[in-house]
Amino acid sequence: MNKLVKEAVLNSDLYIEYLKALNGVFNLTDRELELLATFVKLDVEYHKLPGVEKNVANTQNRKFIINTMHITRDNLSRYIKRFRKDGLLIRGRADNELYVNKILIPEV
């Protein structure tokens, strides 16, 4: 008989493991999962400044992703466009507001 065993997950791997569990619904590649996990981490760690809208894909975050993940600017834009189309990244009320869908953020 198979048992469901609960393993401890490191905090550094929490987002990627949570998204892997949900990937049966989204059918993302490993690279897309890694990128989406980075967006989730940026969303959770985002410090809102007064008068500034929340944008996980702002210029500073894009440069960080390009440098750490070794992805081109054009491919990053394509991934962001696909994530928006699939409802994984959501536009806010303001013009430049973009955040991760709350269903993708695990409750700890």
Protein backbone atom coordinates (compact mmCIF):
# COMPACT_ATOMS: atom_id res chain seq x y z
CA MET A 1 0.00 0.00 0.00
CA ASN A 2 1.32 3.45 -0.90
CA LYS A 3 1.68 6.02 1.81
CA LEU A 4 1.62 9.74 1.40
CA VAL A 5 4.70 11.01 3.17
CA LYS A 6 5.16 14.65 3.98
CA GLU A 7 8.74 15.85 3.52
CA ALA A 8 10.18 19.04 4.88
CA VAL A 9 11.00 21.57 2.17
CA LEU A 10 13.69 24.19 2.53
CA ASN A 11 12.49 27.79 2.43
CA SER A 12 14.75 28.44 -0.56
CA ASP A 13 12.96 25.67 -2.52
CA LEU A 14 9.43 26.35 -1.26
CA TYR A 15 8.16 28.32 -4.26
CA ILE A 16 9.57 26.01 -6.92
CA GLU A 17 8.24 22.91 -5.13
CA TYR A 18 4.79 24.46 -4.70
CA LEU A 19 4.67 25.39 -8.39
CA LYS A 20 5.83 21.91 -9.40
CA ALA A 21 2.87 20.50 -7.47
CA LEU A 22 0.52 22.81 -9.41
CA ASN A 23 2.22 22.27 -12.76
CA GLY A 24 -0.21 19.55 -13.81
CA VAL A 25 -2.70 22.34 -14.40
CA PHE A 26 -0.37 24.87 -16.03
CA ASN A 27 1.87 22.61 -18.19
CA LEU A 28 4.93 24.83 -17.81
CA THR A 29 8.47 23.89 -18.80
CA ASP A 30 11.22 23.67 -16.19
CA ARG A 31 12.57 27.05 -17.29
CA GLU A 32 9.12 28.65 -17.02
CA LEU A 33 8.66 27.12 -13.56
CA GLU A 34 12.00 28.54 -12.45
CA LEU A 35 11.10 31.98 -13.80
CA LEU A 36 7.63 31.93 -12.26
CA ALA A 37 9.13 30.90 -8.90
CA THR A 38 11.42 33.92 -9.15
CA PHE A 39 8.41 36.17 -9.78
CA VAL A 40 6.59 34.65 -6.79
CA LYS A 41 9.63 35.26 -4.59
CA LEU A 42 9.90 38.85 -5.82
CA ASP A 43 6.17 39.36 -5.17
CA VAL A 44 6.33 38.00 -1.63
CA GLU A 45 9.47 40.00 -0.76
CA TYR A 46 8.21 43.20 -2.41
CA HIS A 47 8.31 46.25 -0.15
CA LYS A 48 5.64 48.71 -1.24
CA LEU A 49 6.70 52.32 -1.31
CA PRO A 50 4.10 55.07 -0.87
CA GLY A 51 2.85 56.37 -4.20
CA VAL A 52 4.48 53.54 -6.20
CA GLU A 53 2.42 50.73 -7.70
CA LYS A 54 3.44 47.10 -7.18
CA ASN A 55 5.13 45.78 -10.30
CA VAL A 56 7.04 42.49 -10.09
CA ALA A 57 8.27 42.97 -13.66
CA ASN A 58 9.70 46.45 -13.23
CA THR A 59 13.03 47.44 -14.76
CA GLN A 60 15.07 46.62 -11.67
CA ASN A 61 13.51 43.15 -11.31
CA ARG A 62 13.92 42.44 -15.03
CA LYS A 63 17.64 43.27 -14.83
CA PHE A 64 17.97 41.02 -11.78
CA ILE A 65 16.26 38.12 -13.61
CA ILE A 66 18.31 38.62 -16.78
CA ASN A 67 21.57 38.55 -14.80
CA THR A 68 20.74 35.65 -12.46
CA MET A 69 18.91 33.38 -14.89
CA HIS A 70 20.96 34.23 -17.99
CA ILE A 71 17.89 34.91 -20.07
CA THR A 72 17.64 37.41 -22.91
CA ARG A 73 15.47 40.50 -22.62
CA ASP A 74 13.31 39.38 -25.55
CA ASN A 75 12.65 35.93 -24.09
CA LEU A 76 11.82 37.44 -20.72
CA SER A 77 9.24 39.67 -22.39
CA ARG A 78 7.75 36.63 -24.15
CA TYR A 79 7.51 34.72 -20.89
CA ILE A 80 5.86 37.66 -19.12
CA LYS A 81 3.37 38.01 -21.97
CA ARG A 82 2.53 34.29 -21.76
CA PHE A 83 2.17 34.43 -17.97
CA ARG A 84 -0.21 37.38 -18.30
CA LYS A 85 -2.22 35.57 -20.99
CA ASP A 86 -2.51 32.46 -18.79
CA GLY A 87 -3.54 34.51 -15.74
CA LEU A 88 -0.40 33.74 -13.73
CA LEU A 89 0.60 37.40 -13.67
CA ILE A 90 -2.25 39.86 -13.22
CA ARG A 91 -2.50 43.52 -14.18
CA GLY A 92 -3.62 45.76 -11.37
CA ARG A 93 -5.86 48.79 -11.47
CA ALA A 94 -2.99 51.16 -12.23
CA ASP A 95 -1.36 51.16 -15.66
CA ASN A 96 1.99 49.76 -14.60
CA GLU A 97 0.84 47.51 -11.76
CA LEU A 98 1.62 43.80 -12.22
CA TYR A 99 1.59 41.10 -9.57
CA VAL A 100 1.50 37.32 -9.20
CA ASN A 101 -1.87 35.58 -8.97
CA LYS A 102 -2.54 34.90 -5.29
CA ILE A 103 -3.30 31.22 -5.94
CA LEU A 104 0.40 30.72 -6.77
CA ILE A 105 1.64 32.02 -3.42
CA PRO A 106 1.79 29.28 -0.77
CA GLU A 107 0.51 30.08 2.69
CA VAL A 108 3.20 29.40 5.24
